[in-house]
């Protein structure tokens, strides 16, 4: 009887030991798997963190590159090819990429109504500084009605017209009567001094001739200043943008591309200057002797404007390609292999 009890105890002890071993084995396996899982998680987190940092670094490198001025050598060749087809004076400036393309930049042309943008700039700058109130009115007298202004003629002789309205008239449809009213209000000498002091431009205006000879270098300086003026979000910017955003004698616009512009046209002289007001803005002045055949002068000037845009866009495309290859070299390599295949 005692042996049987001993055997039973022995079997019970063995079972208990086996059970303990199994439990310990399971615990070890569980712990091992937990440790392995945690290690895998840790490695994955490290990998994800590295990938995140690499992604951020590549994006930083790409964005830094895209925000850095860039000019590809090939665009000079494209511009030279354009100049073979025209004798126009051209001044182009890419603001973000800080480069210019010019031809006959110091040749003097009769600017005609381009002078109106100088006057508008003068008035808006002084209004913003608090020196002039654009709600001030000028009496529309009979002598101004003789200029047959497109918008001024819709008003009544003897009526009081605000400086703000006259600025809009003189820029949006190049209203000569409105310009003469503003020119008389400001005076010839203050406008000459303004252009000379701010831009180094010697306006040839006089009491007898309120218009001026100009160069594309002169007007691009003006455009650069106007561009800065309209960066401030206020009523003055809105007035100038709305006035310049017109299709009247606008040969810079083409397809779906629109420019804030001001033209000048007298006899053979046809000039158009403007701002391509986008995320990548540029300034363009084109002076020609394509008049007085309006269809011809519009078509030829628009061709120049479109060619300049294509040169500008080519540079932007090449810049993006360069920045992509700088930040994502393996993608660029894959793209080249796919192209070759």
Protein backbone atom coordinates (compact mmCIF):
# COMPACT_ATOMS: atom_id res chain seq x y z
CA UNK A 1 0.00 0.00 0.00
CA UNK A 2 2.80 2.35 0.81
CA UNK A 3 4.49 1.74 -2.55
CA UNK A 4 1.33 2.57 -4.43
CA UNK A 5 0.96 5.77 -2.47
CA UNK A 6 4.58 6.61 -3.22
CA UNK A 7 4.07 5.89 -6.91
CA UNK A 8 1.00 8.09 -6.94
CA UNK A 9 2.93 10.86 -5.22
CA UNK A 10 5.79 10.40 -7.66
CA UNK A 11 3.48 10.59 -10.63
CA UNK A 12 1.80 13.66 -9.20
CA UNK A 13 5.17 15.30 -8.64
CA UNK A 14 6.30 14.50 -12.21
CA UNK A 15 3.08 15.89 -13.59
CA UNK A 16 3.53 19.01 -11.53
CA UNK A 17 7.11 19.38 -12.77
CA UNK A 18 6.00 18.84 -16.38
CA UNK A 19 3.27 21.39 -15.89
CA UNK A 20 5.69 23.87 -14.42
CA UNK A 21 8.13 23.25 -17.29
CA UNK A 22 5.37 23.74 -19.83
CA UNK A 23 4.20 26.92 -18.13
CA UNK A 24 7.76 28.22 -17.92
CA UNK A 25 8.32 27.30 -21.57
CA UNK A 26 5.16 29.13 -22.55
CA UNK A 27 6.17 32.10 -20.45
CA UNK A 28 9.62 32.13 -22.06
CA UNK A 29 8.11 31.82 -25.51
CA UNK A 30 5.64 34.58 -24.74
CA UNK A 31 8.35 36.78 -23.31
CA UNK A 32 10.58 36.08 -26.30
CA UNK A 33 7.83 36.89 -28.72
CA UNK A 34 6.97 40.03 -26.76
CA UNK A 35 10.59 41.09 -26.77
CA UNK A 36 10.90 40.25 -30.47
CA UNK A 37 7.69 42.11 -31.21
CA UNK A 38 8.78 45.11 -29.19
CA UNK A 39 12.17 45.06 -30.89
CA UNK A 40 10.50 44.88 -34.28
CA UNK A 41 8.24 47.75 -33.28
CA UNK A 42 11.23 49.74 -32.08
CA UNK A 43 13.11 49.08 -35.32
CA UNK A 44 10.03 50.02 -37.34
CA UNK A 45 9.68 53.23 -35.36
CA UNK A 46 13.35 54.01 -35.93
CA UNK A 47 12.92 53.27 -39.63
CA UNK A 48 9.78 55.40 -39.84
CA UNK A 49 11.52 58.23 -38.02
CA UNK A 50 14.47 58.01 -40.40
CA UNK A 51 12.13 57.97 -43.40
CA UNK A 52 10.22 60.94 -41.98
CA UNK A 53 13.44 62.88 -41.47
CA UNK A 54 14.67 61.93 -44.94
CA UNK A 55 11.35 63.02 -46.42
CA UNK A 56 11.46 66.32 -44.53
CA UNK A 57 15.06 66.89 -45.58
CA UNK A 58 14.23 66.20 -49.23
CA UNK A 59 11.22 68.47 -49.10
CA UNK A 60 13.34 71.17 -47.44
CA UNK A 61 16.04 70.76 -50.08
CA UNK A 62 13.44 70.87 -52.89
CA UNK A 63 11.63 73.92 -51.46
CA UNK A 64 14.91 75.74 -50.80
CA UNK A 65 15.95 75.08 -54.38
CA UNK A 66 12.59 76.22 -55.76
CA UNK A 67 12.80 79.42 -53.70
CA UNK A 68 16.31 80.16 -54.97
CA UNK A 69 16.76 82.25 -58.16
CA UNK A 70 17.49 80.09 -61.20
CA UNK A 71 18.32 80.81 -64.82
CA UNK A 72 19.07 78.08 -67.30
CA UNK A 73 21.56 78.91 -70.05
CA UNK A 74 19.22 77.62 -72.74
CA UNK A 75 16.78 80.51 -72.35
CA UNK A 76 19.39 82.97 -73.63
CA UNK A 77 19.47 81.01 -76.87
CA UNK A 78 15.67 81.04 -77.04
CA UNK A 79 15.64 84.81 -76.53
CA UNK A 80 18.25 85.34 -79.24
CA UNK A 81 16.08 83.33 -81.62
CA UNK A 82 13.12 85.59 -80.76
CA UNK A 83 15.17 88.71 -81.48
CA UNK A 84 15.90 87.41 -84.98
CA UNK A 85 12.18 87.87 -85.75
CA UNK A 86 11.62 91.37 -84.32
CA UNK A 87 13.21 94.78 -83.91
CA UNK A 88 11.02 95.69 -80.93
CA UNK A 89 12.53 96.99 -77.71
CA UNK A 90 11.95 94.44 -74.93
CA UNK A 91 12.55 94.40 -71.21
CA UNK A 92 11.59 91.25 -69.29
CA UNK A 93 12.23 90.61 -65.61
CA UNK A 94 11.42 87.41 -63.72
CA UNK A 95 10.94 88.68 -60.17
CA UNK A 96 11.39 85.45 -58.19
CA UNK A 97 14.29 84.19 -60.30
CA UNK A 98 15.90 87.63 -60.53
CA UNK A 99 16.98 87.63 -64.16
CA UNK A 100 16.29 89.90 -67.10
CA UNK A 101 16.12 89.60 -70.88
CA UNK A 102 16.52 92.86 -72.77
CA UNK A 103 16.79 94.20 -76.29
CA UNK A 104 17.24 97.87 -77.25
CA UNK A 105 16.60 98.67 -73.61
CA UNK A 106 17.87 102.24 -73.92
CA UNK A 107 16.20 103.10 -77.24
CA UNK A 108 13.84 106.07 -76.86
CA UNK A 109 10.24 105.74 -78.10
CA UNK A 110 7.28 108.05 -77.80
CA UNK A 111 5.55 106.51 -74.78
CA UNK A 112 2.20 108.23 -75.39
CA UNK A 113 -0.35 107.05 -72.81
CA UNK A 114 2.18 105.12 -70.74
CA UNK A 115 2.66 108.39 -68.86
CA UNK A 116 -0.74 107.79 -67.26
CA UNK A 117 0.65 104.96 -65.16
CA UNK A 118 3.30 107.30 -63.74
CA UNK A 119 0.56 109.71 -62.72
CA UNK A 120 -1.62 106.95 -61.23
CA UNK A 121 1.38 105.65 -59.27
CA UNK A 122 2.09 109.17 -57.96
CA UNK A 123 -1.49 109.67 -56.80
CA UNK A 124 -1.84 106.24 -55.19
CA UNK A 125 1.48 106.51 -53.36
CA UNK A 126 0.53 109.92 -51.98
CA UNK A 127 -2.97 108.77 -51.07
CA UNK A 128 -1.56 105.80 -49.15
CA UNK A 129 0.82 108.18 -47.35
CA UNK A 130 -2.12 110.39 -46.39
CA UNK A 131 -1.03 113.34 -48.52
CA UNK A 132 -3.95 113.11 -50.95
CA UNK A 133 -7.57 112.02 -50.54
CA UNK A 134 -8.76 110.14 -53.62
CA UNK A 135 -12.32 111.15 -52.74
CA UNK A 136 -11.35 114.73 -53.59
CA UNK A 137 -13.31 115.93 -56.62
CA UNK A 138 -12.43 117.93 -59.73
CA UNK A 139 -15.01 119.82 -61.75
CA UNK A 140 -15.55 118.32 -65.21
CA UNK A 141 -15.46 121.45 -67.38
CA UNK A 142 -16.18 121.86 -71.07
CA UNK A 143 -12.52 122.00 -72.15
CA UNK A 144 -11.94 118.45 -70.84
CA UNK A 145 -14.94 117.16 -72.79
CA UNK A 146 -13.10 118.05 -76.03
CA UNK A 147 -10.80 115.05 -75.49
CA UNK A 148 -13.71 112.65 -76.17
CA UNK A 149 -12.81 110.34 -73.29
CA UNK A 150 -14.51 106.97 -73.49
CA UNK A 151 -15.66 107.03 -69.87
CA UNK A 152 -15.47 110.75 -69.18
CA UNK A 153 -18.01 111.31 -71.95
CA UNK A 154 -20.57 109.35 -69.90
CA UNK A 155 -20.42 112.07 -67.24
CA UNK A 156 -22.10 115.49 -67.31
CA UNK A 157 -20.14 118.70 -67.88
CA UNK A 158 -20.13 120.61 -64.60
CA UNK A 159 -20.21 117.39 -62.57
CA UNK A 160 -17.74 116.76 -59.74
CA UNK A 161 -15.63 113.64 -60.35
CA UNK A 162 -13.40 111.96 -57.76
CA UNK A 163 -9.69 111.43 -58.26
CA UNK A 164 -10.34 107.72 -57.77
CA UNK A 165 -12.74 107.60 -60.73
CA UNK A 166 -10.39 109.64 -62.91
CA UNK A 167 -7.50 107.25 -62.15
CA UNK A 168 -9.67 104.32 -63.15
CA UNK A 169 -10.78 106.05 -66.37
CA UNK A 170 -7.25 107.04 -67.37
CA UNK A 171 -5.83 103.54 -66.92
CA UNK A 172 -8.67 101.16 -67.79
CA UNK A 173 -9.58 102.76 -71.15
CA UNK A 174 -6.74 105.30 -71.38
CA UNK A 175 -9.19 108.20 -71.14
CA UNK A 176 -7.31 111.33 -72.27
CA UNK A 177 -9.79 113.76 -70.74
CA UNK A 178 -9.50 112.07 -67.34
CA UNK A 179 -5.72 112.16 -67.64
CA UNK A 180 -5.71 115.88 -68.45
CA UNK A 181 -7.89 116.58 -65.43
CA UNK A 182 -5.48 114.65 -63.19
CA UNK A 183 -2.43 116.17 -64.87
CA UNK A 184 -3.74 119.67 -64.25
CA UNK A 185 -4.50 118.73 -60.64
CA UNK A 186 -0.98 117.37 -59.95
CA UNK A 187 1.02 119.65 -62.22
CA UNK A 188 3.81 118.95 -64.70
CA UNK A 189 6.74 119.77 -62.43
CA UNK A 190 5.72 117.53 -59.47
CA UNK A 191 5.24 114.59 -61.84
CA UNK A 192 8.63 115.19 -63.50
CA UNK A 193 10.30 115.42 -60.08
CA UNK A 194 8.54 112.25 -58.91
CA UNK A 195 9.80 110.20 -61.87
CA UNK A 196 13.29 111.63 -61.62
CA UNK A 197 13.69 111.19 -57.87
CA UNK A 198 12.14 107.72 -57.64
CA UNK A 199 13.18 106.08 -60.91
CA UNK A 200 15.90 108.30 -62.35
CA UNK A 201 13.61 108.84 -65.35
CA UNK A 202 13.64 112.18 -67.17
CA UNK A 203 10.10 112.68 -68.38
CA UNK A 204 9.90 114.97 -71.42
CA UNK A 205 6.41 116.23 -70.52
CA UNK A 206 5.67 119.93 -70.72
CA UNK A 207 2.66 122.20 -70.48
CA UNK A 208 2.24 121.85 -74.25
CA UNK A 209 2.80 118.08 -74.44
CA UNK A 210 1.71 116.06 -71.43
CA UNK A 211 3.12 112.83 -72.86
CA UNK A 212 6.75 111.67 -72.86
CA UNK A 213 9.50 109.80 -74.62
CA UNK A 214 10.51 106.68 -72.67
CA UNK A 215 12.65 103.54 -72.83
CA UNK A 216 11.70 100.02 -71.82
CA UNK A 217 14.25 100.36 -69.01
CA UNK A 218 12.26 103.34 -67.72
CA UNK A 219 8.92 101.57 -67.78
CA UNK A 220 10.19 98.35 -66.22
CA UNK A 221 11.45 100.38 -63.25
CA UNK A 222 7.95 101.81 -63.00
CA UNK A 223 6.38 98.35 -63.25
CA UNK A 224 8.62 97.05 -60.48
CA UNK A 225 7.44 99.89 -58.27
CA UNK A 226 3.79 99.33 -59.22
CA UNK A 227 4.19 95.63 -58.43
CA UNK A 228 5.36 96.57 -54.92
CA UNK A 229 2.46 99.01 -54.57
CA UNK A 230 -0.15 96.32 -55.25
CA UNK A 231 1.32 93.85 -52.76
CA UNK A 232 -0.42 95.76 -49.97
CA UNK A 233 -4.00 94.54 -49.61
CA UNK A 234 -5.97 97.77 -49.44
CA UNK A 235 -8.36 99.97 -51.44
CA UNK A 236 -5.51 101.57 -53.36
CA UNK A 237 -4.19 98.24 -54.61
CA UNK A 238 -7.70 97.21 -55.59
CA UNK A 239 -8.17 100.43 -57.57
CA UNK A 240 -4.91 100.00 -59.49
CA UNK A 241 -5.35 96.26 -60.10
CA UNK A 242 -8.92 96.71 -61.33
CA UNK A 243 -7.86 99.55 -63.62
CA UNK A 244 -4.90 97.65 -65.11
CA UNK A 245 -6.80 94.39 -65.46
CA UNK A 246 -8.42 95.27 -68.78
CA UNK A 247 -8.47 94.07 -72.38
CA UNK A 248 -8.48 97.55 -73.92
CA UNK A 249 -5.65 97.61 -76.49
CA UNK A 250 -4.10 94.77 -74.51
CA UNK A 251 -1.69 92.77 -76.68
CA UNK A 252 0.08 91.08 -73.77
CA UNK A 253 -2.87 88.77 -73.11
CA UNK A 254 -2.99 85.50 -75.04
CA UNK A 255 -4.85 82.22 -74.67
CA UNK A 256 -5.76 82.03 -70.96
CA UNK A 257 -2.85 84.21 -69.80
CA UNK A 258 -3.81 87.66 -68.53
CA UNK A 259 -1.66 90.65 -67.61
CA UNK A 260 -2.18 93.84 -65.64
CA UNK A 261 -1.20 96.34 -68.31
CA UNK A 262 -1.04 99.85 -69.69
CA UNK A 263 -0.55 100.62 -73.36
CA UNK A 264 0.62 103.71 -75.22
CA UNK A 265 -0.26 104.30 -78.86
CA UNK A 266 0.48 107.23 -81.14
CA UNK A 267 1.00 107.06 -84.90
CA UNK A 268 3.70 104.37 -85.49
CA UNK A 269 4.45 103.97 -81.80
CA UNK A 270 2.62 101.13 -80.10
CA UNK A 271 3.84 100.08 -76.66
CA UNK A 272 2.43 97.70 -74.09
CA UNK A 273 3.78 97.14 -70.59
CA UNK A 274 2.47 94.88 -67.87
CA UNK A 275 2.72 92.51 -64.94
CA UNK A 276 2.09 88.78 -65.10
CA UNK A 277 0.69 88.69 -61.57
CA UNK A 278 1.03 85.05 -60.52
CA UNK A 279 2.91 82.92 -57.96
CA UNK A 280 5.89 83.39 -60.28
CA UNK A 281 5.36 86.99 -61.42
CA UNK A 282 7.24 88.81 -64.14
CA UNK A 283 7.36 92.28 -65.69
CA UNK A 284 7.36 92.95 -69.41
CA UNK A 285 7.75 96.11 -71.50
CA UNK A 286 7.44 95.95 -75.29
CA UNK A 287 7.93 99.06 -77.45
CA UNK A 288 7.30 98.85 -81.18
CA UNK A 289 6.83 100.86 -84.36
CA UNK A 290 4.12 98.46 -85.58
CA UNK A 291 1.40 101.10 -85.91
CA UNK A 292 -0.86 102.35 -87.32
CA UNK A 293 -2.14 99.01 -88.70
CA UNK A 294 -3.88 97.86 -85.52
CA UNK A 295 -4.41 94.24 -86.52
CA UNK A 296 -0.74 93.89 -87.44
CA UNK A 297 0.57 95.66 -84.33
CA UNK A 298 -1.65 93.59 -82.01
CA UNK A 299 -0.68 90.30 -83.65
CA UNK A 300 3.05 91.05 -83.69
CA UNK A 301 3.16 92.31 -80.12
CA UNK A 302 1.09 89.37 -78.89
CA UNK A 303 3.54 86.98 -80.58
CA UNK A 304 6.38 88.59 -78.65
CA UNK A 305 4.43 88.37 -75.40
CA UNK A 306 3.67 84.69 -75.99
CA UNK A 307 7.29 83.92 -76.91
CA UNK A 308 8.52 85.62 -73.76
CA UNK A 309 6.06 83.58 -71.70
CA UNK A 310 7.27 80.35 -73.32
CA UNK A 311 10.88 81.26 -72.50
CA UNK A 312 9.90 82.05 -68.91
CA UNK A 313 7.90 78.80 -68.58
CA UNK A 314 10.76 76.76 -70.04
CA UNK A 315 13.06 78.16 -67.37
CA UNK A 316 10.54 77.27 -64.64
CA UNK A 317 10.19 73.72 -65.99
CA UNK A 318 13.95 73.27 -66.09
CA UNK A 319 14.22 74.69 -62.60
CA UNK A 320 11.69 72.18 -61.27
CA UNK A 321 13.50 69.37 -63.05
CA UNK A 322 16.81 70.49 -61.54
CA UNK A 323 15.36 70.84 -58.02
CA UNK A 324 13.71 67.42 -58.27
CA UNK A 325 16.97 65.80 -59.32
CA UNK A 326 18.72 67.55 -56.43
CA UNK A 327 16.22 66.42 -53.79
CA UNK A 328 15.16 63.07 -55.27
CA UNK A 329 18.14 61.78 -57.30
CA UNK A 330 16.92 58.16 -57.39
CA UNK A 331 13.55 59.23 -58.85
CA UNK A 332 15.34 61.22 -61.51
CA UNK A 333 17.48 58.17 -62.31
CA UNK A 334 14.38 55.96 -62.58
CA UNK A 335 12.73 58.53 -64.83
CA UNK A 336 15.75 58.51 -67.13
CA UNK A 337 15.78 54.71 -67.30
CA UNK A 338 12.05 54.66 -68.13
CA UNK A 339 12.62 57.25 -70.83
CA UNK A 340 15.43 55.25 -72.34
CA UNK A 341 13.31 52.10 -72.37
